[in-house]
Protein backbone atom coordinates (compact mmCIF):
# COMPACT_ATOMS: atom_id res chain seq x y z
CA MET A 1 -36.15 67.39 -31.89
CA GLU A 2 -38.47 67.98 -28.28
CA GLN A 3 -39.59 64.18 -28.28
CA LEU A 4 -36.06 62.74 -28.98
CA PHE A 5 -34.95 65.08 -26.02
CA GLU A 6 -37.53 63.61 -23.95
CA GLN A 7 -36.40 59.92 -24.81
CA ALA A 8 -32.91 60.63 -24.25
CA LEU A 9 -33.87 62.34 -20.78
CA ARG A 10 -35.77 59.04 -20.14
CA SER A 11 -32.72 56.87 -21.28
CA GLN A 12 -30.21 58.81 -18.84
CA MET A 13 -32.94 58.62 -15.70
CA SER A 14 -33.16 54.61 -16.66
CA GLY A 15 -29.42 54.04 -16.32
CA ARG A 16 -29.54 53.58 -19.81
CA LEU A 17 -26.30 56.17 -20.76
CA ALA A 18 -24.68 55.22 -23.89
CA GLU A 19 -28.26 55.23 -25.39
CA ALA A 20 -29.23 58.42 -23.59
CA GLU A 21 -25.59 59.81 -25.01
CA ASP A 22 -26.60 58.97 -28.74
CA MET A 23 -29.96 60.77 -28.30
CA TYR A 24 -28.31 64.03 -26.99
CA ARG A 25 -25.96 64.08 -30.08
CA ALA A 26 -28.81 63.41 -32.84
CA VAL A 27 -30.39 66.47 -30.50
CA LEU A 28 -26.91 68.52 -31.26
CA GLU A 29 -26.75 67.85 -34.74
CA LEU A 30 -30.11 69.52 -35.18
CA ASP A 31 -29.77 72.14 -33.01
CA PRO A 32 -25.98 72.30 -31.29
CA GLY A 33 -27.20 76.18 -29.62
CA GLN A 34 -29.57 73.99 -26.93
CA ALA A 35 -27.02 74.16 -23.74
CA VAL A 36 -29.48 72.31 -21.31
CA VAL A 37 -28.25 69.08 -23.60
CA HIS A 38 -25.14 69.80 -23.98
CA PHE A 39 -25.29 69.90 -20.02
CA ASN A 40 -27.31 66.81 -19.84
CA LEU A 41 -24.67 65.40 -22.22
CA GLY A 42 -21.68 66.14 -19.44
CA ILE A 43 -23.70 64.15 -16.46
CA VAL A 44 -24.06 61.51 -19.47
CA LEU A 45 -20.34 61.50 -20.21
CA ARG A 46 -19.55 62.05 -16.33
CA HIS A 47 -21.17 59.32 -15.11
CA GLN A 48 -19.54 57.12 -17.71
CA GLY A 49 -16.14 57.79 -16.41
CA ARG A 50 -15.58 60.31 -19.38
CA LEU A 51 -14.51 63.53 -17.27
CA VAL A 52 -12.68 65.55 -20.16
CA GLU A 53 -15.31 64.91 -22.60
CA ALA A 54 -17.48 66.20 -19.53
CA THR A 55 -15.67 69.33 -19.05
CA ILE A 56 -16.08 69.96 -22.54
CA ALA A 57 -19.96 69.51 -22.86
CA TYR A 58 -20.18 71.35 -19.86
CA GLY A 59 -17.85 74.44 -20.88
CA ARG A 60 -19.92 74.15 -24.54
CA ALA A 61 -23.07 75.14 -22.35
CA LEU A 62 -21.44 77.87 -20.04
CA GLU A 63 -20.37 79.44 -23.55
CA LEU A 64 -23.68 79.13 -24.92
CA GLN A 65 -25.80 80.18 -21.47
CA PRO A 66 -23.18 81.99 -18.83
CA GLU A 67 -25.54 81.99 -16.41
CA PHE A 68 -25.89 78.39 -15.72
CA PRO A 69 -25.27 77.77 -11.89
CA GLU A 70 -25.92 74.04 -12.35
CA ALA A 71 -23.31 73.73 -15.04
CA GLU A 72 -20.56 75.63 -14.04
CA ASN A 73 -21.29 73.32 -10.67
CA ASN A 74 -20.78 70.57 -12.07
CA LEU A 75 -17.75 72.10 -14.54
CA GLY A 76 -16.08 72.48 -11.02
CA THR A 77 -16.94 68.59 -9.43
CA VAL A 78 -15.34 66.86 -12.58
CA LEU A 79 -12.15 69.96 -12.86
CA ALA A 80 -11.35 68.27 -8.94
CA SER A 81 -12.09 64.57 -10.46
CA LEU A 82 -9.54 65.13 -12.83
CA GLY A 83 -6.55 66.71 -10.26
CA ARG A 84 -7.40 70.07 -11.87
CA LEU A 85 -8.12 71.59 -8.14
CA ASP A 86 -6.88 75.19 -8.40
CA GLU A 87 -9.62 75.12 -11.58
CA SER A 88 -11.89 73.60 -9.70
CA ALA A 89 -11.68 76.23 -6.83
CA SER A 90 -11.57 79.12 -9.27
CA VAL A 91 -14.52 78.17 -10.67
CA LEU A 92 -16.57 77.27 -8.04
CA GLU A 93 -15.65 80.60 -6.12
CA ARG A 94 -16.70 82.66 -9.06
CA LEU A 95 -20.33 81.08 -8.88
CA LEU A 96 -20.46 80.96 -5.10
CA GLU A 97 -19.51 84.88 -5.27
CA ARG A 98 -23.16 85.53 -7.40
CA LYS A 99 -24.93 82.16 -5.88
CA PRO A 100 -24.08 82.61 -2.09
CA ASP A 101 -26.98 80.19 -1.09
CA PHE A 102 -25.65 77.22 -4.04
CA ALA A 103 -25.14 74.29 -1.20
CA ASN A 104 -24.28 71.90 -3.66
CA ALA A 105 -21.10 74.43 -4.75
CA TRP A 106 -20.48 75.26 -0.96
CA ASN A 107 -20.12 71.58 -0.50
CA ASN A 108 -17.78 70.57 -3.61
CA LEU A 109 -15.87 73.71 -3.00
CA GLY A 110 -14.79 71.80 0.49
CA GLY A 111 -13.64 68.94 -1.25
CA ALA A 112 -11.81 70.60 -4.15
CA LEU A 113 -10.15 72.76 -0.86
CA LYS A 114 -9.83 69.29 1.05
CA ASP A 115 -7.23 67.72 -1.22
CA LEU A 116 -5.39 70.97 -1.92
CA GLY A 117 -4.58 70.90 1.67
CA ARG A 118 -6.75 73.08 3.37
CA ALA A 119 -8.91 72.06 5.49
CA ARG A 120 -10.02 74.66 7.93
CA ASP A 121 -11.18 76.58 4.66
CA ALA A 122 -12.68 73.13 3.81
CA ILE A 123 -14.62 72.90 6.87
CA ARG A 124 -15.94 76.58 6.55
CA CYS A 125 -17.40 75.45 3.08
CA PHE A 126 -18.83 72.24 4.29
CA GLU A 127 -20.65 73.95 7.63
CA ARG A 128 -22.19 76.58 4.88
CA ALA A 129 -23.70 73.95 3.22
CA ASN A 130 -24.66 71.97 6.09
CA ARG A 131 -26.92 75.58 7.57
CA LEU A 132 -28.40 76.27 4.31
CA GLN A 133 -29.19 72.09 3.30
CA PRO A 134 -29.58 71.04 7.06
CA ALA A 135 -31.39 67.84 6.04
CA ASN A 136 -29.03 67.01 3.45
CA ALA A 137 -27.05 64.30 5.43
CA ALA A 138 -24.15 63.76 2.99
CA PHE A 139 -23.01 67.18 3.04
CA HIS A 140 -22.90 67.00 7.22
CA SER A 141 -21.12 63.58 6.86
CA ASN A 142 -18.31 65.19 4.60
CA LEU A 143 -18.37 68.54 7.36
CA VAL A 144 -17.83 65.27 10.51
CA PHE A 145 -15.43 63.66 7.91
CA ALA A 146 -13.26 66.65 7.24
CA MET A 147 -12.60 67.68 11.19
CA HIS A 148 -10.68 64.60 11.67
CA TYR A 149 -7.87 66.57 9.17
CA SER A 150 -7.61 69.40 11.22
CA PRO A 151 -5.34 69.77 14.40
CA ASP A 152 -8.33 72.27 15.63
CA HIS A 153 -10.65 69.58 16.50
CA GLY A 154 -9.99 67.20 19.62
CA PRO A 155 -12.06 63.32 20.32
CA ARG A 156 -14.49 65.36 22.06
CA ALA A 157 -14.99 67.77 19.33
CA LEU A 158 -15.54 64.93 16.66
CA LEU A 159 -17.87 63.20 18.90
CA ARG A 160 -20.18 66.18 19.53
CA GLU A 161 -20.89 66.78 15.71
CA ALA A 162 -21.35 63.28 14.91
CA ARG A 163 -23.94 63.29 17.37
CA ARG A 164 -25.64 65.97 15.85
CA TRP A 165 -25.23 64.21 12.74
CA ASN A 166 -27.18 61.26 14.26
CA ARG A 167 -29.83 63.58 16.07
CA GLU A 168 -30.51 65.38 12.98
CA HIS A 169 -30.34 62.36 10.77
CA ALA A 170 -30.16 58.75 11.86
CA GLY A 171 -32.49 59.77 15.16
CA VAL A 172 -35.69 60.19 13.61
CA LEU A 173 -34.93 56.42 12.39
CA MET A 174 -34.48 54.64 15.02
CA GLY A 175 -38.02 54.51 16.36
CA ASP A 176 -39.69 50.94 16.15
CA PRO A 177 -38.17 48.74 12.84
CA PRO A 178 -40.33 45.63 12.19
CA PRO A 179 -39.33 42.63 14.10
CA LEU A 180 -36.12 40.61 13.29
CA VAL A 181 -37.07 37.11 12.76
CA ASN A 182 -33.43 36.02 12.54
CA GLU A 183 -33.10 32.17 14.41
CA ALA A 184 -31.48 32.68 17.52
CA ASP A 185 -29.40 29.92 17.28
CA PRO A 186 -25.74 30.78 18.82
CA ASP A 187 -23.81 28.57 17.11
CA ARG A 188 -25.12 28.37 13.60
CA ARG A 189 -23.71 29.39 10.58
CA LEU A 190 -23.54 33.42 10.40
CA ARG A 191 -24.86 35.54 7.48
CA VAL A 192 -22.54 38.63 8.17
CA GLY A 193 -23.08 41.37 5.53
CA TYR A 194 -20.44 43.84 4.20
CA VAL A 195 -21.88 47.77 2.59
CA SER A 196 -19.25 49.52 0.28
CA ALA A 197 -19.19 51.46 -2.31
CA HIS A 198 -15.70 50.18 -2.88
CA PHE A 199 -15.32 46.89 -3.81
CA ARG A 200 -12.99 47.53 -6.60
CA GLU A 201 -9.37 48.30 -7.45
CA HIS A 202 -9.37 51.46 -4.13
CA CYS A 203 -7.37 51.37 -0.70
CA GLN A 204 -10.31 49.07 1.06
CA ALA A 205 -9.92 46.31 -1.37
CA LEU A 206 -6.05 45.98 0.54
CA PHE A 207 -7.92 44.79 3.67
CA LEU A 208 -11.09 43.58 2.16
CA ALA A 209 -8.51 40.77 0.27
CA PRO A 210 -7.08 38.95 2.84
CA LEU A 211 -10.31 38.99 5.32
CA LEU A 212 -12.94 37.34 2.15
CA GLU A 213 -10.35 34.68 1.34
CA SER A 214 -9.80 33.65 4.73
CA HIS A 215 -13.60 33.57 6.21
CA ASP A 216 -14.16 30.49 7.68
CA ARG A 217 -16.72 29.35 5.30
CA ALA A 218 -18.24 26.49 7.21
CA GLY A 219 -19.15 29.51 9.96
CA VAL A 220 -19.45 32.21 8.12
CA GLU A 221 -21.77 32.94 4.68
CA VAL A 222 -20.89 36.07 3.30
CA THR A 223 -23.29 38.35 1.65
CA CYS A 224 -21.58 41.72 0.17
CA TYR A 225 -23.93 45.28 -1.20
CA SER A 226 -21.90 46.80 -3.62
CA ASP A 227 -22.40 50.08 -4.04
CA SER A 228 -19.59 50.49 -6.80
CA THR A 229 -20.90 52.18 -9.92
CA SER A 230 -18.13 51.09 -11.60
CA GLU A 231 -16.21 47.17 -11.54
CA ASP A 232 -12.70 45.89 -12.30
CA ALA A 233 -10.30 43.13 -11.75
CA VAL A 234 -10.47 43.54 -8.61
CA THR A 235 -14.37 43.39 -7.90
CA ALA A 236 -14.06 39.74 -9.32
CA ARG A 237 -11.56 38.73 -6.86
CA LEU A 238 -13.61 39.65 -3.67
CA ARG A 239 -17.02 38.73 -5.67
CA GLY A 240 -15.12 34.65 -5.72
CA HIS A 241 -14.93 35.07 -2.26
CA ALA A 242 -18.72 35.82 -1.48
CA ASP A 243 -21.86 33.65 -0.52
CA ARG A 244 -23.79 36.42 -2.63
CA TRP A 245 -22.96 39.95 -4.19
CA ARG A 246 -25.60 42.66 -4.28
CA ARG A 247 -25.50 45.06 -6.43
CA THR A 248 -27.37 48.28 -4.88
CA ALA A 249 -26.14 51.51 -5.85
CA ASP A 250 -29.34 52.38 -7.75
CA LEU A 251 -31.07 51.07 -4.12
CA SER A 252 -32.34 53.94 -1.62
CA ASP A 253 -31.33 53.31 1.68
CA GLU A 254 -34.67 51.94 2.70
CA ARG A 255 -34.62 49.66 -0.26
CA LEU A 256 -30.91 48.57 0.51
CA ALA A 257 -32.44 48.28 4.11
CA GLU A 258 -35.38 45.97 3.35
CA LEU A 259 -32.83 44.00 1.64
CA VAL A 260 -30.54 43.03 4.31
CA ARG A 261 -33.70 42.92 6.23
CA ALA A 262 -35.10 39.67 3.60
CA ASP A 263 -31.86 38.78 3.42
CA GLY A 264 -31.15 37.35 6.71
CA ILE A 265 -28.46 39.25 8.10
CA ASP A 266 -27.34 38.65 11.25
CA VAL A 267 -24.08 40.79 11.76
CA LEU A 268 -24.08 43.87 8.87
CA VAL A 269 -21.22 45.56 8.89
CA ASP A 270 -20.78 49.51 7.60
CA LEU A 271 -16.93 49.75 5.77
CA SER A 272 -17.51 53.77 5.46
CA LEU A 273 -18.56 55.63 8.20
CA HIS A 274 -18.72 58.80 7.36
CA MET A 275 -16.82 58.74 4.27
CA ALA A 276 -18.46 59.43 0.71
CA ARG A 277 -21.21 57.35 -0.40
CA GLN A 278 -22.26 56.55 3.23
CA ARG A 279 -24.95 54.14 4.16
CA LEU A 280 -25.40 55.10 7.81
CA LEU A 281 -29.24 55.72 7.35
CA VAL A 282 -29.48 52.09 6.25
CA LEU A 283 -27.87 50.96 9.70
CA ALA A 284 -30.43 53.40 11.45
CA ARG A 285 -33.32 51.03 10.36
CA ARG A 286 -31.83 48.22 12.43
CA PRO A 287 -32.19 46.28 9.77
CA ALA A 288 -29.72 43.54 11.47
CA PRO A 289 -29.50 41.94 14.68
CA VAL A 290 -25.67 43.19 15.28
CA GLN A 291 -24.19 46.15 13.32
CA VAL A 292 -20.85 47.03 13.38
CA VAL A 293 -18.17 49.79 11.96
CA TRP A 294 -15.14 48.98 10.86
CA LEU A 295 -12.10 49.58 8.09
CA GLY A 296 -13.34 53.59 6.50
CA TYR A 297 -11.44 55.11 9.36
CA PRO A 298 -11.25 54.18 13.40
CA GLY A 299 -13.65 57.08 14.38
CA THR A 300 -17.34 57.60 15.25
CA THR A 301 -20.58 57.21 13.31
CA GLY A 302 -21.89 59.78 16.54
CA MET A 303 -25.01 56.52 16.74
CA ASP A 304 -25.99 54.48 18.83
CA GLY A 305 -26.25 50.61 19.60
CA LEU A 306 -23.56 50.11 16.69
CA VAL A 307 -20.35 48.59 17.44
CA ARG A 308 -16.82 49.56 16.47
CA PHE A 309 -14.05 47.73 15.63
CA THR A 310 -10.42 49.41 17.08
CA ASP A 311 -7.64 47.94 18.48
CA PRO A 312 -5.15 47.78 21.80
CA TRP A 313 -3.01 50.57 20.49
CA LEU A 314 -5.53 52.39 18.79
CA ASP A 315 -7.75 52.63 21.72
CA PRO A 316 -5.54 51.07 24.99
CA PRO A 317 -8.12 49.92 27.21
CA GLY A 318 -9.64 51.82 29.53
CA ALA A 319 -8.72 55.26 27.96
CA GLY A 320 -11.45 56.86 26.04
CA ASP A 321 -13.83 54.90 25.52
CA ALA A 322 -16.45 57.38 26.47
CA LEU A 323 -15.17 59.66 23.25
CA TYR A 324 -17.18 57.05 20.57
CA SER A 325 -20.74 56.84 20.09
CA GLU A 326 -20.31 53.28 19.45
CA GLU A 327 -19.36 50.16 22.18
CA SER A 328 -15.62 49.33 21.44
CA LEU A 329 -14.33 46.23 20.69
CA ARG A 330 -10.67 45.44 20.53
CA LEU A 331 -9.48 42.99 17.97
CA PRO A 332 -6.53 40.65 19.24
CA ASP A 333 -3.86 42.79 17.29
CA SER A 334 -4.37 45.21 14.43
CA PHE A 335 -7.45 47.16 12.79
CA TRP A 336 -5.65 46.10 9.45
CA CYS A 337 -5.35 43.58 7.66
CA TYR A 338 -2.61 44.08 4.64
CA ASP A 339 -2.49 42.51 0.97
CA PRO A 340 -0.41 44.93 -1.33
CA LEU A 341 -2.54 43.48 -4.06
CA ALA A 342 0.70 43.11 -6.27
CA ASP A 343 3.59 41.39 -7.30
CA GLY A 344 6.13 44.14 -7.69
CA PRO A 345 8.79 45.94 -7.85
CA ALA A 346 10.81 44.17 -5.51
CA VAL A 347 12.51 46.13 -2.27
CA GLY A 348 15.69 47.78 -4.10
CA SER A 349 18.34 49.25 -2.08
CA LEU A 350 18.71 52.39 0.37
CA PRO A 351 19.16 55.07 -2.49
CA ALA A 352 21.28 57.00 -0.23
CA LEU A 353 24.26 54.59 -0.36
CA ALA A 354 24.06 55.32 -4.50
CA SER A 355 23.09 59.52 -4.42
CA GLY A 356 25.49 60.25 -1.36
CA ARG A 357 22.23 62.18 0.35
CA VAL A 358 18.74 61.03 2.53
CA THR A 359 15.84 61.44 0.73
CA PHE A 360 12.54 62.01 3.05
CA GLY A 361 8.64 60.97 1.86
CA CYS A 362 5.39 61.54 2.25
CA LEU A 363 3.05 60.26 -0.70
CA ASN A 364 -0.03 60.50 1.92
CA ASN A 365 -2.98 61.93 0.10
CA PHE A 366 -2.39 65.54 0.53
CA CYS A 367 -5.72 66.45 2.14
CA LYS A 368 -3.69 65.32 5.44
CA VAL A 369 -0.98 67.92 4.49
CA ASN A 370 -1.36 70.91 6.75
CA PRO A 371 1.19 73.81 8.09
CA GLY A 372 1.89 72.02 11.29
CA VAL A 373 3.14 69.12 9.40
CA LEU A 374 5.32 71.41 6.97
CA ARG A 375 6.92 72.96 9.85
CA MET A 376 7.97 69.83 11.92
CA TRP A 377 8.90 68.27 8.02
CA ARG A 378 11.06 71.64 7.41
CA ARG A 379 13.08 71.14 11.17
CA VAL A 380 13.98 67.89 9.78
CA LEU A 381 15.31 68.87 6.41
CA GLU A 382 17.13 71.73 8.46
CA ARG A 383 18.83 69.43 10.54
CA VAL A 384 19.88 66.86 7.82
CA PRO A 385 22.00 68.72 5.66
CA ASP A 386 21.63 68.47 1.27
CA SER A 387 18.23 66.00 2.47
CA ARG A 388 15.23 66.30 0.05
CA MET A 389 11.60 65.56 0.16
CA MET A 390 9.52 63.67 -2.38
CA ILE A 391 5.42 64.29 -1.91
CA LEU A 392 2.48 63.92 -3.22
CA ALA A 393 0.94 67.17 -3.82
CA PRO A 394 -1.30 68.17 -6.33
CA PRO A 395 -0.02 70.78 -9.05
CA GLY A 396 0.05 74.60 -8.45
CA ASP A 397 -0.56 76.86 -5.59
CA ALA A 398 -0.24 73.66 -3.65
CA ARG A 399 3.29 72.88 -4.42
CA ARG A 400 4.14 76.22 -4.42
CA ARG A 401 2.86 76.91 -0.19
CA VAL A 402 4.89 73.43 0.54
CA VAL A 403 8.34 74.65 -1.07
CA ARG A 404 7.59 78.35 0.64
CA GLU A 405 6.57 76.73 4.01
CA LEU A 406 9.54 74.10 4.06
CA GLY A 407 11.66 76.81 3.44
CA VAL A 408 14.16 75.05 1.53
CA GLY A 409 14.85 75.81 -2.93
CA PRO A 410 12.77 73.89 -5.32
CA GLU A 411 15.41 71.66 -6.03
CA ARG A 412 15.44 69.77 -2.52
CA VAL A 413 11.45 69.18 -3.25
CA GLU A 414 10.47 66.75 -5.77
CA PHE A 415 6.61 66.25 -6.25
CA VAL A 416 5.02 63.35 -7.75
CA GLU A 417 1.05 63.06 -8.45
CA PHE A 418 -1.47 59.86 -8.06
CA ALA A 419 -0.45 57.14 -10.23
CA LEU A 420 -1.42 53.50 -10.98
CA ARG A 421 -1.05 51.30 -8.21
CA PRO A 422 2.69 49.97 -10.10
CA ASP A 423 3.55 53.23 -10.63
CA TYR A 424 2.89 54.54 -7.40
CA LEU A 425 4.47 51.75 -5.28
CA ARG A 426 8.07 52.29 -7.31
CA HIS A 427 7.96 55.49 -5.93
CA TYR A 428 8.95 54.15 -2.75
CA LEU A 429 12.16 52.79 -4.26
CA GLY A 430 13.97 56.60 -4.64
CA ILE A 431 12.80 56.69 -0.57
CA ASP A 432 14.89 56.35 2.15
CA LEU A 433 12.96 57.17 4.70
CA CYS A 434 8.94 58.64 5.63
CA LEU A 435 7.84 61.31 7.49
CA ASP A 436 3.74 60.63 8.66
CA THR A 437 1.14 63.51 8.84
CA SER A 438 -0.28 64.27 11.82
CA PRO A 439 -3.30 64.69 12.97
CA TYR A 440 -4.50 62.09 10.38
CA ASN A 441 -1.59 59.85 10.18
CA GLY A 442 -0.93 57.92 6.61
CA HIS A 443 -3.12 54.30 7.04
CA THR A 444 -2.82 52.68 3.64
CA THR A 445 0.24 54.45 2.50
CA THR A 446 1.89 53.43 6.02
CA LEU A 447 1.83 49.95 5.07
CA ASP A 448 3.01 50.60 1.59
CA SER A 449 5.61 52.46 3.01
CA LEU A 450 6.54 49.46 5.32
CA TRP A 451 6.15 46.66 2.45
CA MET A 452 8.30 48.43 0.16
CA GLY A 453 11.25 48.56 3.30
CA VAL A 454 10.78 52.35 3.93
CA PRO A 455 10.20 52.74 7.69
CA VAL A 456 8.20 55.24 8.82
CA VAL A 457 8.15 57.99 11.50
CA SER A 458 5.05 58.59 12.74
CA LEU A 459 3.55 61.38 15.11
CA SER A 460 0.77 59.86 17.75
CA GLY A 461 -2.32 61.97 19.02
CA VAL A 462 -5.20 62.78 20.87
CA THR A 463 -7.51 61.90 18.00
CA VAL A 464 -7.79 57.66 16.94
CA VAL A 465 -6.71 58.71 13.30
CA SER A 466 -3.19 60.12 14.70
CA ARG A 467 -2.95 56.89 16.09
CA ALA A 468 -2.64 54.34 13.37
CA GLY A 469 1.28 54.71 12.65
CA ARG A 470 1.22 53.71 16.69
CA SER A 471 -0.69 50.46 15.88
CA MET A 472 1.02 49.95 12.39
CA LEU A 473 4.38 50.21 13.89
CA GLY A 474 3.67 47.92 17.00
CA ASN A 475 2.51 45.36 14.91
CA LEU A 476 6.26 45.08 13.43
CA GLY A 477 8.13 45.92 16.58
CA LEU A 478 9.18 49.17 15.94
CA SER A 479 7.16 51.37 18.31
CA GLU A 480 10.40 53.62 18.93
CA LEU A 481 9.44 55.18 15.22
CA ALA A 482 6.06 56.10 16.95
CA THR A 483 6.55 59.33 18.37
CA SER A 484 4.73 61.72 21.22
CA THR A 485 5.69 64.80 20.76
CA GLU A 486 7.06 67.16 17.45
CA LYS A 487 10.18 67.58 19.10
CA GLU A 488 10.85 63.49 19.26
CA PHE A 489 9.44 63.13 15.84
CA VAL A 490 11.88 65.35 14.70
CA ASP A 491 14.39 63.86 16.82
CA THR A 492 13.71 60.16 15.46
CA ALA A 493 13.89 61.00 11.92
CA VAL A 494 16.89 63.10 12.19
CA ALA A 495 18.81 59.40 14.16
CA LEU A 496 17.67 57.32 11.81
CA ALA A 497 18.40 59.49 8.50
CA THR A 498 21.61 59.82 9.67
CA ASP A 499 22.37 56.26 10.75
CA LEU A 500 22.47 54.58 7.21
CA PRO A 501 23.18 50.97 8.14
CA ARG A 502 20.40 50.93 10.75
CA LEU A 503 18.06 52.35 7.39
CA ALA A 504 19.97 49.96 5.03
CA ALA A 505 18.97 46.99 7.95
CA LEU A 506 15.33 47.86 8.12
CA ARG A 507 15.18 48.28 4.45
CA ALA A 508 16.64 44.52 3.90
CA GLY A 509 14.22 42.76 6.37
CA LEU A 510 10.67 45.25 6.57
CA ARG A 511 9.05 43.01 3.93
CA GLU A 512 9.53 39.82 5.22
CA ARG A 513 8.98 41.28 8.83
CA MET A 514 5.72 42.48 7.89
CA ARG A 515 4.69 38.73 5.76
CA ALA A 516 5.49 37.61 9.55
CA SER A 517 3.53 40.07 11.01
CA PRO A 518 -0.29 40.16 12.25
CA LEU A 519 -0.47 43.14 9.36
CA MET A 520 -0.47 40.52 6.61
CA ASP A 521 -1.69 37.44 8.56
CA GLY A 522 -5.06 37.18 6.90
CA PRO A 523 -6.12 33.65 8.76
CA ARG A 524 -5.14 35.14 12.32
CA PHE A 525 -7.13 38.23 11.10
CA ALA A 526 -10.34 36.59 9.65
CA ARG A 527 -10.59 34.28 13.25
CA GLY A 528 -10.29 37.48 15.46
CA ILE A 529 -12.97 38.80 13.39
CA GLU A 530 -14.75 35.74 13.60
CA GLU A 531 -14.88 35.30 17.40
CA ALA A 532 -15.91 39.28 17.72
CA TYR A 533 -18.71 38.53 15.35
CA ARG A 534 -19.70 35.25 17.44
CA THR A 535 -19.58 36.74 20.83
CA LEU A 536 -21.67 39.88 19.77
CA TRP A 537 -23.96 37.56 17.69
CA ARG A 538 -24.38 34.77 21.30
CA ARG A 539 -24.88 38.17 23.69
CA TRP A 540 -27.89 39.23 21.14
CA CYS A 541 -29.14 35.50 21.33
CA ALA A 542 -29.13 35.88 25.24
CA GLY A 543 -30.86 38.52 24.94
CA ARG A 544 -28.73 40.33 27.03
CA GLY A 545 -27.50 44.21 26.73
CA GLY A 546 -24.30 44.26 28.87
CA SER A 547 -21.45 45.66 27.86
CA LEU A 548 -18.49 44.07 26.09
CA SER A 549 -15.07 43.17 28.45
CA PRO A 550 -13.15 47.22 27.40
CA ARG A 551 -9.94 44.62 26.31
CA GLY A 552 -12.95 43.31 23.62
CA VAL A 553 -11.93 39.37 22.49
CA ARG A 554 -8.84 37.98 22.16
CA SER A 555 -7.72 35.24 19.93
């Protein structure tokens, strides 16, 4: 039995998960009382995406060995992945009462609390994890990213924490890298590499698809470095527009940097920044002459020697480039170019015309909802009698908190859960007007809403993620819906909600307005990106270190 267990462990460590599962189950048939075998089986099932089965395996391990902190931690993590966030937080909080120095559990609790809309509590958890394991770059990235969701942290605080991340994790790697041997021909075909864990059905694909499909293949050779551990039909679609596809999930940062260097990449583009499964320590090793951060969110990494893409709406020229460690390069129109990657559903008629009552909505990730947002929405609901609101929120305490803070009866609030994309888009058929979140605006969800004919009222703020709505609405000629104060937000939402003819007219024309705008013009967007790449490449070839014009490039 011991030999069979060792074989199972070797198969697991080699990534042969089905084989490892069979062997662990064979061990348990011989002796079902082995807690560690149930625990390892849970890990194998989790990595295969069989999360419910993984919870059963972890639960059995804990029945056999109640003091098994690693099993408790993993159980809490899987419960969070299943959307059972209250249960996840409860498991992890009980664990941390007994094991207050368990850094990984603090990190996982922070993730659960963030998804429950408790950004301040989440940040405290990530800070604790960072103090316990200061060398863990991923824990520190979670802290940096979570701070964007809280109104307590302005752009200078975000830059300061990102700079600290750079000093503690990336700076030590940015010494003298091996010399680059890229041919310094300013006009040759460029080798561009994209690094992401999300070349699959994921919101990033809605923006990658129009770019990859529209690249000028005579001028750009595309290599995708895919950290995805699963692939699907979207993966196949994206792979069809790449010259080279590298599966890199099993590579260390050092090995991936060596691969990028060996591939002769001229422009390396990171698509995650400090989001989960980031690869910033690859960029820290400087494997490419030009290194760019884009798409994950329009913020800062805190790292030196990089370029960040933005747009004139997110970052008006001359108004705050010092708030980012990178050089800011403004794309001509928009940070985003969108493809819904769905044929339907068609835009429906205005729901209020049939129901006689206005339905507001917010289908943003609930981690963007905070008490200030709920107070703002409450003022809107108070001024539009008999109105209701549809909100995407996890079951349990989060929903009770929403109803309590909105100050309305539960009959005026409809909750929905995460759904597959076709079902998610159908939710918009029942919404008349979407209310955005702040300080972290909707990004993908705002574009989804507009695609479905539902206008969005947004509130801009001092951080760049709070100006996403302004960028998208500005590109549609709807800047009047991008407000600057809470009063203006409430007044704008109320005025539009009580003007049903205008709402109906907007709904009828928004999809065509989207199609005709830069937000869905893939070739135009690709030309702007390629011009940016070429500008940066020519500067490298010339051997100059000067800065770009603050206006960036124009198409």
